[in-house]
Amino acid sequence: MIFVSIASDERSLQDANPDWITQQVERRRRDGLQVCVTVIIKSGGLDMRLSTPECVSRGGSRAPTAQEAHVFNLWTKFHLNQPGWSPGNLIAFLRQLDR
């Protein structure tokens, strides 16, 4: 299962459609709020939690597996590890992840 959490709203990947993601992020940014997005992956041997820079998070204490490294590389490729990330990049990341 893959879940997307935007602020306090959480949905499964199937219910986190692009319109919902864009509306949630842009509405909060318009209101001057920092937007914390967390993606939780518990599937195919993965048990990961990725967060945008606006979230308070803890780092892992071990080197990632090859499969985890691939997911981290996708997160970085779509600039989700940097301030100013876009909802479109989050949507693209989730599409790649769902493959």
N, C-alpha and C. Protein backbone atom coordinates (compact mmCIF):
# COMPACT_ATOMS: atom_id res chain seq x y z
N MET A 1 0.83 -1.18 0.00
CA MET A 1 0.00 0.00 0.00
C MET A 1 0.88 1.25 0.00
N ILE A 2 0.38 2.26 -0.67
CA ILE A 2 1.05 3.55 -0.72
C ILE A 2 0.03 4.59 -0.27
N PHE A 3 0.45 5.45 0.66
CA PHE A 3 -0.41 6.50 1.17
C PHE A 3 0.26 7.85 0.96
N VAL A 4 -0.55 8.87 0.72
CA VAL A 4 -0.07 10.24 0.56
C VAL A 4 -0.75 11.06 1.65
N SER A 5 0.07 11.77 2.42
CA SER A 5 -0.45 12.62 3.48
C SER A 5 -0.04 14.06 3.18
N ILE A 6 -1.02 14.95 3.09
CA ILE A 6 -0.77 16.37 2.87
C ILE A 6 -1.33 17.08 4.09
N ALA A 7 -0.42 17.68 4.88
CA ALA A 7 -0.79 18.24 6.17
C ALA A 7 -1.43 17.11 6.97
N SER A 8 -2.68 17.25 7.38
CA SER A 8 -3.31 16.20 8.19
C SER A 8 -4.25 15.32 7.38
N ASP A 9 -4.33 15.54 6.07
CA ASP A 9 -5.20 14.74 5.21
C ASP A 9 -4.41 13.59 4.58
N GLU A 10 -4.87 12.36 4.80
CA GLU A 10 -4.18 11.19 4.25
C GLU A 10 -5.13 10.40 3.37
N ARG A 11 -4.57 9.95 2.22
CA ARG A 11 -5.35 9.12 1.29
C ARG A 11 -4.45 8.02 0.75
N SER A 12 -5.10 6.93 0.37
CA SER A 12 -4.36 5.88 -0.33
C SER A 12 -4.01 6.40 -1.72
N LEU A 13 -3.03 5.80 -2.35
CA LEU A 13 -2.61 6.26 -3.67
C LEU A 13 -3.78 6.26 -4.66
N GLN A 14 -4.65 5.27 -4.58
CA GLN A 14 -5.80 5.20 -5.48
C GLN A 14 -6.74 6.39 -5.31
N ASP A 15 -6.82 6.93 -4.11
CA ASP A 15 -7.72 8.05 -3.83
C ASP A 15 -7.03 9.41 -3.89
N ALA A 16 -5.73 9.41 -4.04
CA ALA A 16 -4.96 10.67 -4.09
C ALA A 16 -4.80 11.07 -5.55
N ASN A 17 -5.89 11.51 -6.16
CA ASN A 17 -5.82 11.86 -7.58
C ASN A 17 -5.10 13.20 -7.78
N PRO A 18 -4.63 13.46 -8.99
CA PRO A 18 -3.87 14.69 -9.25
C PRO A 18 -4.61 15.97 -8.86
N ASP A 19 -5.92 16.03 -9.09
CA ASP A 19 -6.67 17.23 -8.71
C ASP A 19 -6.64 17.46 -7.20
N TRP A 20 -6.83 16.39 -6.44
CA TRP A 20 -6.81 16.51 -4.97
C TRP A 20 -5.44 16.99 -4.50
N ILE A 21 -4.38 16.38 -5.03
CA ILE A 21 -3.02 16.77 -4.63
C ILE A 21 -2.79 18.25 -4.93
N THR A 22 -3.08 18.66 -6.15
CA THR A 22 -2.84 20.05 -6.55
C THR A 22 -3.65 21.01 -5.70
N GLN A 23 -4.92 20.73 -5.50
CA GLN A 23 -5.77 21.61 -4.70
C GLN A 23 -5.29 21.72 -3.26
N GLN A 24 -4.91 20.60 -2.66
CA GLN A 24 -4.45 20.62 -1.27
C GLN A 24 -3.18 21.46 -1.11
N VAL A 25 -2.24 21.25 -2.00
CA VAL A 25 -0.96 21.97 -1.91
C VAL A 25 -1.15 23.45 -2.21
N GLU A 26 -1.80 23.76 -3.31
CA GLU A 26 -1.93 25.16 -3.71
C GLU A 26 -2.79 25.96 -2.74
N ARG A 27 -3.84 25.36 -2.19
CA ARG A 27 -4.69 26.07 -1.23
C ARG A 27 -3.89 26.44 0.02
N ARG A 28 -3.11 25.51 0.51
CA ARG A 28 -2.32 25.80 1.71
C ARG A 28 -1.24 26.85 1.43
N ARG A 29 -0.61 26.74 0.28
CA ARG A 29 0.41 27.74 -0.06
C ARG A 29 -0.21 29.13 -0.24
N ARG A 30 -1.39 29.20 -0.84
CA ARG A 30 -2.09 30.49 -0.98
C ARG A 30 -2.39 31.10 0.38
N ASP A 31 -2.67 30.24 1.36
CA ASP A 31 -2.96 30.71 2.72
C ASP A 31 -1.68 31.03 3.50
N GLY A 32 -0.53 30.91 2.83
CA GLY A 32 0.74 31.23 3.47
C GLY A 32 1.28 30.15 4.38
N LEU A 33 0.77 28.94 4.24
CA LEU A 33 1.20 27.83 5.09
C LEU A 33 2.30 27.02 4.41
N GLN A 34 3.18 26.46 5.22
CA GLN A 34 4.15 25.51 4.69
C GLN A 34 3.41 24.19 4.51
N VAL A 35 3.72 23.49 3.45
CA VAL A 35 3.00 22.25 3.13
C VAL A 35 3.91 21.05 3.35
N CYS A 36 3.54 20.25 4.32
CA CYS A 36 4.27 19.01 4.62
C CYS A 36 3.56 17.87 3.90
N VAL A 37 4.31 17.19 3.03
CA VAL A 37 3.77 16.01 2.35
C VAL A 37 4.62 14.81 2.75
N THR A 38 3.94 13.74 3.09
CA THR A 38 4.60 12.49 3.42
C THR A 38 4.03 11.40 2.53
N VAL A 39 4.92 10.59 1.98
CA VAL A 39 4.51 9.43 1.19
C VAL A 39 4.97 8.20 1.96
N ILE A 40 4.02 7.33 2.26
CA ILE A 40 4.30 6.10 3.01
C ILE A 40 4.17 4.93 2.05
N ILE A 41 5.22 4.14 1.98
CA ILE A 41 5.24 3.00 1.07
C ILE A 41 5.42 1.73 1.89
N LYS A 42 4.45 0.85 1.81
CA LYS A 42 4.53 -0.47 2.46
C LYS A 42 4.07 -1.47 1.42
N SER A 43 5.01 -1.80 0.54
CA SER A 43 4.66 -2.64 -0.61
C SER A 43 5.90 -3.23 -1.22
N GLY A 44 5.79 -4.43 -1.75
CA GLY A 44 6.88 -5.05 -2.49
C GLY A 44 8.20 -5.10 -1.75
N GLY A 45 8.16 -5.36 -0.45
CA GLY A 45 9.38 -5.43 0.33
C GLY A 45 9.87 -4.09 0.84
N LEU A 46 9.15 -3.02 0.54
CA LEU A 46 9.52 -1.69 1.00
C LEU A 46 8.68 -1.29 2.21
N ASP A 47 9.31 -0.59 3.13
CA ASP A 47 8.63 0.02 4.27
C ASP A 47 9.31 1.36 4.49
N MET A 48 8.82 2.38 3.76
CA MET A 48 9.50 3.68 3.73
C MET A 48 8.53 4.81 4.02
N ARG A 49 9.08 5.90 4.53
CA ARG A 49 8.35 7.13 4.74
C ARG A 49 9.23 8.25 4.20
N LEU A 50 8.75 8.93 3.16
CA LEU A 50 9.48 10.05 2.56
C LEU A 50 8.72 11.33 2.85
N SER A 51 9.44 12.40 3.17
CA SER A 51 8.80 13.66 3.52
C SER A 51 9.47 14.82 2.80
N THR A 52 8.66 15.81 2.46
CA THR A 52 9.19 17.04 1.86
C THR A 52 9.92 17.84 2.94
N PRO A 53 10.75 18.81 2.53
CA PRO A 53 11.57 19.55 3.51
C PRO A 53 10.78 20.28 4.58
N GLU A 54 9.51 20.58 4.34
CA GLU A 54 8.71 21.32 5.32
C GLU A 54 8.30 20.47 6.52
N CYS A 55 8.51 19.19 6.44
CA CYS A 55 8.12 18.27 7.52
C CYS A 55 9.26 18.13 8.52
N VAL A 56 8.89 17.91 9.76
CA VAL A 56 9.88 17.54 10.77
C VAL A 56 10.05 16.03 10.63
N SER A 57 11.27 15.59 10.38
CA SER A 57 11.46 14.16 10.16
C SER A 57 12.75 13.68 10.79
N ARG A 58 12.84 12.38 10.88
CA ARG A 58 14.04 11.73 11.39
C ARG A 58 14.66 10.92 10.26
N GLY A 59 15.96 10.93 10.18
CA GLY A 59 16.64 10.15 9.16
C GLY A 59 16.82 8.72 9.58
N GLY A 60 17.08 7.87 8.60
CA GLY A 60 17.34 6.46 8.88
C GLY A 60 18.75 6.27 9.41
N SER A 61 19.02 5.10 9.92
CA SER A 61 20.33 4.86 10.52
C SER A 61 21.12 3.78 9.79
N ARG A 62 20.65 3.36 8.64
CA ARG A 62 21.38 2.34 7.89
C ARG A 62 21.40 2.73 6.42
N ALA A 63 22.28 2.10 5.69
CA ALA A 63 22.35 2.35 4.25
C ALA A 63 21.10 1.74 3.58
N PRO A 64 20.56 2.42 2.57
CA PRO A 64 19.37 1.88 1.90
C PRO A 64 19.70 0.66 1.05
N THR A 65 18.70 -0.20 0.89
CA THR A 65 18.84 -1.31 -0.03
C THR A 65 18.81 -0.75 -1.46
N ALA A 66 19.07 -1.57 -2.44
CA ALA A 66 19.03 -1.12 -3.84
C ALA A 66 17.64 -0.63 -4.21
N GLN A 67 16.62 -1.33 -3.74
CA GLN A 67 15.24 -0.94 -4.04
C GLN A 67 14.89 0.39 -3.37
N GLU A 68 15.32 0.57 -2.13
CA GLU A 68 15.09 1.84 -1.42
C GLU A 68 15.86 2.97 -2.08
N ALA A 69 17.08 2.70 -2.50
CA ALA A 69 17.90 3.72 -3.16
C ALA A 69 17.22 4.20 -4.44
N HIS A 70 16.60 3.28 -5.16
CA HIS A 70 15.87 3.65 -6.38
C HIS A 70 14.74 4.63 -6.05
N VAL A 71 13.99 4.37 -4.99
CA VAL A 71 12.90 5.26 -4.58
C VAL A 71 13.47 6.61 -4.15
N PHE A 72 14.55 6.61 -3.37
CA PHE A 72 15.18 7.88 -2.96
C PHE A 72 15.66 8.66 -4.18
N ASN A 73 16.20 7.97 -5.17
CA ASN A 73 16.66 8.64 -6.40
C ASN A 73 15.50 9.28 -7.15
N LEU A 74 14.36 8.60 -7.20
CA LEU A 74 13.17 9.19 -7.83
C LEU A 74 12.72 10.44 -7.07
N TRP A 75 12.73 10.37 -5.74
CA TRP A 75 12.34 11.51 -4.90
C TRP A 75 13.23 12.72 -5.22
N THR A 76 14.52 12.46 -5.34
CA THR A 76 15.47 13.53 -5.67
C THR A 76 15.29 14.00 -7.10
N LYS A 77 15.09 13.09 -8.03
CA LYS A 77 14.90 13.43 -9.44
C LYS A 77 13.76 14.43 -9.63
N PHE A 78 12.70 14.26 -8.84
CA PHE A 78 11.54 15.14 -8.96
C PHE A 78 11.60 16.32 -7.98
N HIS A 79 12.78 16.56 -7.39
CA HIS A 79 13.06 17.72 -6.54
C HIS A 79 12.18 17.79 -5.30
N LEU A 80 11.70 16.67 -4.83
CA LEU A 80 10.83 16.66 -3.66
C LEU A 80 11.63 16.78 -2.36
N ASN A 81 12.94 16.77 -2.47
CA ASN A 81 13.82 16.96 -1.33
C ASN A 81 14.26 18.42 -1.19
N GLN A 82 13.69 19.31 -2.02
CA GLN A 82 14.08 20.71 -2.04
C GLN A 82 12.88 21.61 -1.76
N PRO A 83 13.11 22.74 -1.10
CA PRO A 83 12.01 23.69 -0.93
C PRO A 83 11.51 24.14 -2.30
N GLY A 84 10.24 24.48 -2.39
CA GLY A 84 9.68 24.96 -3.64
C GLY A 84 9.27 23.87 -4.60
N TRP A 85 9.23 22.62 -4.16
CA TRP A 85 8.79 21.52 -5.01
C TRP A 85 7.38 21.83 -5.52
N SER A 86 7.02 21.21 -6.62
CA SER A 86 5.70 21.49 -7.21
C SER A 86 4.76 20.29 -7.08
N PRO A 87 3.46 20.56 -7.05
CA PRO A 87 2.50 19.45 -7.01
C PRO A 87 2.67 18.53 -8.23
N GLY A 88 3.01 19.11 -9.38
CA GLY A 88 3.22 18.30 -10.58
C GLY A 88 4.36 17.31 -10.41
N ASN A 89 5.40 17.72 -9.70
CA ASN A 89 6.52 16.80 -9.45
C ASN A 89 6.11 15.68 -8.51
N LEU A 90 5.28 16.00 -7.52
CA LEU A 90 4.78 14.96 -6.62
C LEU A 90 3.93 13.95 -7.40
N ILE A 91 3.08 14.45 -8.27
CA ILE A 91 2.23 13.58 -9.09
C ILE A 91 3.09 12.70 -10.00
N ALA A 92 4.11 13.28 -10.62
CA ALA A 92 5.01 12.50 -11.49
C ALA A 92 5.75 11.42 -10.69
N PHE A 93 6.20 11.76 -9.49
CA PHE A 93 6.87 10.78 -8.62
C PHE A 93 5.93 9.62 -8.32
N LEU A 94 4.69 9.93 -7.94
CA LEU A 94 3.73 8.88 -7.59
C LEU A 94 3.41 7.99 -8.78
N ARG A 95 3.36 8.58 -9.96
CA ARG A 95 3.12 7.76 -11.18
C ARG A 95 4.28 6.82 -11.43
N GLN A 96 5.50 7.30 -11.27
CA GLN A 96 6.68 6.44 -11.46
C GLN A 96 6.70 5.34 -10.41
N LEU A 97 6.34 5.70 -9.20
CA LEU A 97 6.36 4.75 -8.10
C LEU A 97 5.32 3.65 -8.30
N ASP A 98 4.20 4.00 -8.89
CA ASP A 98 3.10 3.06 -9.08
C ASP A 98 3.38 2.04 -10.18
N ARG A 99 4.42 2.25 -10.95
CA ARG A 99 4.75 1.31 -12.04
C ARG A 99 5.34 0.03 -11.54
